[in-house]
């Protein structure tokens, strides 16, 4: 019996990039919730009934950078795995318990990274 599908929140301000990431994750049978910016992402966490197993966020968001968003999200959900996506991934310091993936990434890289971060996958 396979594990229940994990839900991933994708926070990405570029609609095309967001769509591509969502498509890939859905093909990998994840449930995906989308947010175009940090404000939308935080609204998702305001709904306590919304299960989120992992948040994948762009570092460069228009309203608040991904690191500030991650810090706020961790106040609400301290154990949530967080994955930063960035074209400059090697240049960002990632807080403990969080990981990064460099853009552009392949479908396989994304799958392997996400699965490595989800306890049930």
N, C-alpha and C. Protein backbone atom coordinates (compact mmCIF):
# COMPACT_ATOMS: atom_id res chain seq x y z
N UNK A 1 0.85 -1.19 0.00
CA UNK A 1 0.00 0.00 0.00
C UNK A 1 0.88 1.24 0.00
N UNK A 2 0.62 2.15 -0.91
CA UNK A 2 1.49 3.33 -0.98
C UNK A 2 1.05 4.38 0.03
N UNK A 3 1.98 5.22 0.38
CA UNK A 3 1.69 6.28 1.35
C UNK A 3 0.67 7.25 0.75
N UNK A 4 -0.12 7.88 1.61
CA UNK A 4 -1.06 8.87 1.08
C UNK A 4 -0.31 9.99 0.37
N UNK A 5 -0.96 10.59 -0.59
CA UNK A 5 -0.28 11.63 -1.35
C UNK A 5 0.03 12.83 -0.47
N UNK A 6 1.25 13.28 -0.55
CA UNK A 6 1.66 14.45 0.22
C UNK A 6 1.19 15.71 -0.48
N UNK A 7 0.93 16.74 0.32
CA UNK A 7 0.50 18.03 -0.22
C UNK A 7 1.66 19.01 -0.16
N UNK A 8 1.93 19.63 -1.30
CA UNK A 8 3.05 20.57 -1.41
C UNK A 8 2.51 21.95 -1.76
N UNK A 9 2.94 22.94 -1.00
CA UNK A 9 2.60 24.33 -1.31
C UNK A 9 3.74 24.89 -2.16
N UNK A 10 3.41 25.35 -3.36
CA UNK A 10 4.41 25.93 -4.26
C UNK A 10 4.22 27.45 -4.27
N UNK A 11 5.24 28.18 -3.84
CA UNK A 11 5.19 29.64 -3.81
C UNK A 11 6.17 30.16 -4.86
N UNK A 12 5.62 30.74 -5.92
CA UNK A 12 6.45 31.18 -7.06
C UNK A 12 5.71 32.31 -7.75
N UNK A 13 6.36 33.46 -7.89
CA UNK A 13 5.68 34.61 -8.48
C UNK A 13 5.61 34.56 -10.00
N UNK A 14 6.49 33.79 -10.64
CA UNK A 14 6.46 33.68 -12.10
C UNK A 14 5.43 32.61 -12.47
N UNK A 15 4.33 33.03 -13.09
CA UNK A 15 3.20 32.12 -13.35
C UNK A 15 3.61 30.92 -14.20
N UNK A 16 4.48 31.14 -15.18
CA UNK A 16 4.88 30.04 -16.07
C UNK A 16 5.74 29.04 -15.31
N UNK A 17 6.68 29.53 -14.54
CA UNK A 17 7.53 28.64 -13.75
C UNK A 17 6.66 27.87 -12.74
N UNK A 18 5.73 28.59 -12.10
CA UNK A 18 4.85 27.95 -11.12
C UNK A 18 4.05 26.83 -11.78
N UNK A 19 3.51 27.11 -12.97
CA UNK A 19 2.71 26.12 -13.68
C UNK A 19 3.55 24.87 -13.99
N UNK A 20 4.78 25.08 -14.43
CA UNK A 20 5.65 23.95 -14.76
C UNK A 20 5.95 23.10 -13.52
N UNK A 21 6.25 23.77 -12.40
CA UNK A 21 6.55 23.04 -11.17
C UNK A 21 5.31 22.26 -10.72
N UNK A 22 4.15 22.91 -10.77
CA UNK A 22 2.90 22.26 -10.37
C UNK A 22 2.63 21.05 -11.25
N UNK A 23 2.81 21.21 -12.56
CA UNK A 23 2.59 20.09 -13.48
C UNK A 23 3.48 18.90 -13.13
N UNK A 24 4.75 19.17 -12.88
CA UNK A 24 5.70 18.11 -12.55
C UNK A 24 5.28 17.41 -11.26
N UNK A 25 4.97 18.20 -10.24
CA UNK A 25 4.61 17.61 -8.94
C UNK A 25 3.32 16.81 -9.04
N UNK A 26 2.36 17.31 -9.83
CA UNK A 26 1.10 16.58 -9.99
C UNK A 26 1.33 15.27 -10.75
N UNK A 27 2.22 15.30 -11.74
CA UNK A 27 2.55 14.06 -12.45
C UNK A 27 3.19 13.05 -11.51
N UNK A 28 3.89 13.54 -10.50
CA UNK A 28 4.50 12.67 -9.50
C UNK A 28 3.49 12.28 -8.42
N UNK A 29 2.23 12.66 -8.65
CA UNK A 29 1.10 12.30 -7.79
C UNK A 29 1.10 13.00 -6.44
N UNK A 30 1.66 14.20 -6.40
CA UNK A 30 1.52 15.02 -5.21
C UNK A 30 0.27 15.88 -5.37
N UNK A 31 -0.31 16.27 -4.24
CA UNK A 31 -1.38 17.26 -4.25
C UNK A 31 -0.69 18.61 -4.14
N UNK A 32 -1.06 19.56 -5.00
CA UNK A 32 -0.34 20.83 -5.02
C UNK A 32 -1.28 22.00 -4.74
N UNK A 33 -0.83 22.87 -3.84
CA UNK A 33 -1.51 24.13 -3.56
C UNK A 33 -0.58 25.22 -4.07
N UNK A 34 -1.14 26.22 -4.77
CA UNK A 34 -0.29 27.26 -5.35
C UNK A 34 -0.46 28.60 -4.65
N UNK A 35 0.63 29.35 -4.62
CA UNK A 35 0.60 30.73 -4.14
C UNK A 35 1.54 31.55 -5.01
N UNK A 36 1.10 32.74 -5.39
CA UNK A 36 1.91 33.60 -6.25
C UNK A 36 2.88 34.46 -5.45
N UNK A 37 2.63 34.58 -4.15
CA UNK A 37 3.51 35.42 -3.33
C UNK A 37 3.39 34.99 -1.86
N UNK A 38 4.17 35.63 -1.02
CA UNK A 38 4.21 35.25 0.39
C UNK A 38 2.87 35.50 1.07
N UNK A 39 2.20 36.56 0.70
CA UNK A 39 0.91 36.87 1.32
C UNK A 39 -0.09 35.74 1.08
N UNK A 40 -0.16 35.27 -0.17
CA UNK A 40 -1.06 34.14 -0.48
C UNK A 40 -0.63 32.89 0.27
N UNK A 41 0.67 32.67 0.35
CA UNK A 41 1.17 31.48 1.05
C UNK A 41 0.76 31.51 2.52
N UNK A 42 0.89 32.65 3.15
CA UNK A 42 0.55 32.76 4.57
C UNK A 42 -0.95 32.55 4.79
N UNK A 43 -1.77 32.96 3.82
CA UNK A 43 -3.22 32.73 3.92
C UNK A 43 -3.51 31.23 3.95
N UNK A 44 -2.74 30.45 3.19
CA UNK A 44 -2.92 29.00 3.19
C UNK A 44 -2.71 28.45 4.60
N UNK A 45 -1.69 28.97 5.29
CA UNK A 45 -1.39 28.48 6.64
C UNK A 45 -2.37 29.01 7.68
N UNK A 46 -3.11 30.06 7.34
CA UNK A 46 -4.15 30.56 8.25
C UNK A 46 -5.28 29.54 8.39
N UNK A 47 -5.44 28.72 7.36
CA UNK A 47 -6.49 27.69 7.38
C UNK A 47 -5.91 26.45 8.05
N UNK A 48 -6.23 26.25 9.31
CA UNK A 48 -5.62 25.15 10.06
C UNK A 48 -6.05 23.78 9.56
N UNK A 49 -7.14 23.73 8.78
CA UNK A 49 -7.57 22.44 8.25
C UNK A 49 -6.78 22.04 7.00
N UNK A 50 -6.03 23.00 6.43
CA UNK A 50 -5.26 22.74 5.22
C UNK A 50 -3.96 22.01 5.57
N UNK A 51 -3.86 20.79 5.09
CA UNK A 51 -2.64 20.01 5.35
C UNK A 51 -1.58 20.40 4.33
N UNK A 52 -0.41 20.75 4.81
CA UNK A 52 0.74 21.02 3.93
C UNK A 52 1.89 20.18 4.46
N UNK A 53 2.45 19.34 3.60
CA UNK A 53 3.54 18.46 4.03
C UNK A 53 4.91 19.05 3.71
N UNK A 54 4.95 19.97 2.74
CA UNK A 54 6.22 20.58 2.35
C UNK A 54 5.90 21.90 1.65
N UNK A 55 6.71 22.91 1.90
CA UNK A 55 6.56 24.16 1.17
C UNK A 55 7.79 24.33 0.28
N UNK A 56 7.53 24.57 -0.99
CA UNK A 56 8.59 24.88 -1.94
C UNK A 56 8.42 26.34 -2.32
N UNK A 57 9.43 27.14 -2.05
CA UNK A 57 9.29 28.57 -2.33
C UNK A 57 10.47 29.12 -3.11
N UNK A 58 10.14 30.06 -3.98
CA UNK A 58 11.17 30.83 -4.67
C UNK A 58 11.82 31.73 -3.62
N UNK A 59 13.08 32.03 -3.78
CA UNK A 59 13.73 32.93 -2.83
C UNK A 59 13.33 34.37 -3.14
N UNK A 60 13.30 34.73 -4.42
CA UNK A 60 12.98 36.10 -4.80
C UNK A 60 11.49 36.28 -5.06
N UNK A 61 10.75 36.67 -4.03
CA UNK A 61 9.33 36.93 -4.19
C UNK A 61 9.11 38.44 -4.13
N UNK A 62 8.03 38.94 -4.74
CA UNK A 62 7.84 40.38 -4.83
C UNK A 62 7.56 41.07 -3.49
N UNK A 63 6.84 40.40 -2.59
CA UNK A 63 6.40 41.10 -1.39
C UNK A 63 7.26 40.82 -0.16
N UNK A 64 7.88 39.66 -0.11
CA UNK A 64 8.69 39.27 1.04
C UNK A 64 9.58 38.16 0.51
N UNK A 65 10.87 38.17 0.85
CA UNK A 65 11.68 37.11 0.24
C UNK A 65 11.37 35.75 0.87
N UNK A 66 11.77 34.71 0.16
CA UNK A 66 11.44 33.36 0.57
C UNK A 66 11.94 33.00 1.97
N UNK A 67 13.07 33.59 2.35
CA UNK A 67 13.62 33.29 3.68
C UNK A 67 12.75 33.90 4.78
N UNK A 68 12.28 35.13 4.56
CA UNK A 68 11.40 35.76 5.55
C UNK A 68 10.09 34.99 5.63
N UNK A 69 9.60 34.56 4.48
CA UNK A 69 8.38 33.74 4.45
C UNK A 69 8.60 32.45 5.24
N UNK A 70 9.73 31.79 4.99
CA UNK A 70 10.02 30.53 5.68
C UNK A 70 10.06 30.73 7.19
N UNK A 71 10.65 31.84 7.63
CA UNK A 71 10.73 32.11 9.07
C UNK A 71 9.33 32.26 9.67
N UNK A 72 8.44 32.98 8.94
CA UNK A 72 7.07 33.15 9.43
C UNK A 72 6.32 31.82 9.45
N UNK A 73 6.49 31.04 8.39
CA UNK A 73 5.80 29.75 8.29
C UNK A 73 6.26 28.82 9.41
N UNK A 74 7.55 28.85 9.71
CA UNK A 74 8.08 27.99 10.77
C UNK A 74 7.52 28.37 12.15
N UNK A 75 7.13 29.65 12.32
CA UNK A 75 6.48 30.03 13.59
C UNK A 75 5.12 29.33 13.70
N UNK A 76 4.45 29.17 12.55
CA UNK A 76 3.13 28.54 12.53
C UNK A 76 3.22 27.02 12.53
N UNK A 77 4.16 26.50 11.75
CA UNK A 77 4.33 25.05 11.60
C UNK A 77 5.82 24.71 11.74
N UNK A 78 6.26 24.57 12.98
CA UNK A 78 7.71 24.46 13.24
C UNK A 78 8.42 23.30 12.54
N UNK A 79 7.71 22.21 12.27
CA UNK A 79 8.39 21.04 11.70
C UNK A 79 8.29 20.95 10.18
N UNK A 80 7.66 21.94 9.56
CA UNK A 80 7.41 21.84 8.11
C UNK A 80 8.71 21.83 7.31
N UNK A 81 8.91 20.83 6.42
CA UNK A 81 10.07 20.87 5.54
C UNK A 81 9.89 22.00 4.51
N UNK A 82 10.96 22.75 4.29
CA UNK A 82 10.90 23.87 3.35
C UNK A 82 12.03 23.73 2.33
N UNK A 83 11.65 23.86 1.06
CA UNK A 83 12.60 23.76 -0.04
C UNK A 83 12.65 25.11 -0.76
N UNK A 84 13.83 25.69 -0.83
CA UNK A 84 14.03 26.94 -1.56
C UNK A 84 14.46 26.63 -2.99
N UNK A 85 13.83 27.31 -3.94
CA UNK A 85 14.26 27.20 -5.33
C UNK A 85 14.84 28.55 -5.73
N UNK A 86 16.02 28.52 -6.33
CA UNK A 86 16.65 29.79 -6.69
C UNK A 86 17.61 29.60 -7.84
N UNK A 87 17.67 30.60 -8.69
CA UNK A 87 18.67 30.60 -9.74
C UNK A 87 20.06 30.81 -9.17
N UNK A 88 20.10 31.21 -7.89
CA UNK A 88 21.38 31.47 -7.23
C UNK A 88 21.49 30.60 -5.99
N UNK A 89 21.02 29.34 -6.10
CA UNK A 89 20.89 28.48 -4.91
C UNK A 89 22.21 28.29 -4.16
N UNK A 90 23.30 28.22 -4.91
CA UNK A 90 24.57 27.96 -4.22
C UNK A 90 24.99 29.17 -3.38
N UNK A 91 24.37 30.33 -3.63
CA UNK A 91 24.75 31.53 -2.90
C UNK A 91 23.85 31.81 -1.69
N UNK A 92 22.84 30.97 -1.46
CA UNK A 92 21.98 31.27 -0.33
C UNK A 92 22.28 30.33 0.83
N UNK A 93 22.31 30.91 2.01
CA UNK A 93 22.47 30.10 3.22
C UNK A 93 21.09 29.64 3.63
N UNK A 94 20.97 28.35 3.83
CA UNK A 94 19.67 27.80 4.15
C UNK A 94 19.58 27.50 5.64
N UNK A 95 18.53 28.00 6.30
CA UNK A 95 18.38 27.70 7.72
C UNK A 95 18.28 26.20 7.97
N UNK A 96 18.57 25.79 9.17
CA UNK A 96 18.56 24.37 9.52
C UNK A 96 17.19 23.76 9.25
N UNK A 97 17.20 22.54 8.73
CA UNK A 97 15.94 21.85 8.46
C UNK A 97 15.32 22.24 7.13
N UNK A 98 16.01 23.07 6.38
CA UNK A 98 15.50 23.49 5.08
C UNK A 98 16.54 23.10 4.03
N UNK A 99 16.09 22.95 2.79
CA UNK A 99 17.01 22.58 1.71
C UNK A 99 16.80 23.52 0.53
N UNK A 100 17.69 23.39 -0.46
CA UNK A 100 17.57 24.25 -1.64
C UNK A 100 17.76 23.42 -2.89
N UNK A 101 17.22 23.94 -3.98
CA UNK A 101 17.40 23.33 -5.29
C UNK A 101 17.68 24.48 -6.26
N UNK A 102 18.64 24.27 -7.14
CA UNK A 102 19.02 25.33 -8.08
C UNK A 102 18.13 25.31 -9.32
N UNK A 103 17.68 26.50 -9.74
CA UNK A 103 16.96 26.62 -11.00
C UNK A 103 18.00 26.85 -12.10
N UNK A 104 17.83 26.32 -13.26
CA UNK A 104 16.76 25.38 -13.63
C UNK A 104 17.10 23.99 -13.11
N UNK A 105 16.07 23.23 -12.72
CA UNK A 105 16.29 21.88 -12.25
C UNK A 105 15.52 20.92 -13.14
N UNK A 106 15.96 19.68 -13.16
CA UNK A 106 15.27 18.68 -13.96
C UNK A 106 14.12 18.08 -13.15
N UNK A 107 13.23 17.41 -13.83
CA UNK A 107 12.12 16.73 -13.17
C UNK A 107 12.67 15.73 -12.15
N UNK A 108 13.71 14.99 -12.56
CA UNK A 108 14.29 14.00 -11.66
C UNK A 108 14.90 14.63 -10.41
N UNK A 109 15.58 15.77 -10.61
CA UNK A 109 16.18 16.46 -9.46
C UNK A 109 15.09 16.90 -8.49
N UNK A 110 14.01 17.45 -9.05
CA UNK A 110 12.92 17.93 -8.20
C UNK A 110 12.28 16.75 -7.45
N UNK A 111 12.01 15.69 -8.18
CA UNK A 111 11.38 14.50 -7.55
C UNK A 111 12.26 13.97 -6.41
N UNK A 112 13.55 13.80 -6.70
CA UNK A 112 14.46 13.22 -5.70
C UNK A 112 14.57 14.13 -4.47
N UNK A 113 14.64 15.43 -4.71
CA UNK A 113 14.77 16.38 -3.60
C UNK A 113 13.52 16.36 -2.73
N UNK A 114 12.37 16.43 -3.37
CA UNK A 114 11.10 16.46 -2.64
C UNK A 114 10.92 15.16 -1.85
N UNK A 115 11.17 14.03 -2.52
CA UNK A 115 11.00 12.74 -1.85
C UNK A 115 11.96 12.59 -0.67
N UNK A 116 13.15 13.14 -0.80
CA UNK A 116 14.12 13.03 0.29
C UNK A 116 13.68 13.84 1.51
N UNK A 117 12.83 14.83 1.29
CA UNK A 117 12.41 15.72 2.36
C UNK A 117 11.09 15.30 3.01
N UNK A 118 10.36 14.41 2.35
CA UNK A 118 9.06 13.98 2.88
C UNK A 118 9.21 12.64 3.58
N UNK A 119 8.84 12.59 4.84
CA UNK A 119 9.01 11.35 5.58
C UNK A 119 8.21 10.19 4.98
N UNK A 120 7.05 10.49 4.38
CA UNK A 120 6.17 9.41 3.91
C UNK A 120 6.43 8.99 2.46
N UNK A 121 7.20 9.80 1.72
CA UNK A 121 7.32 9.54 0.28
C UNK A 121 8.25 8.37 -0.01
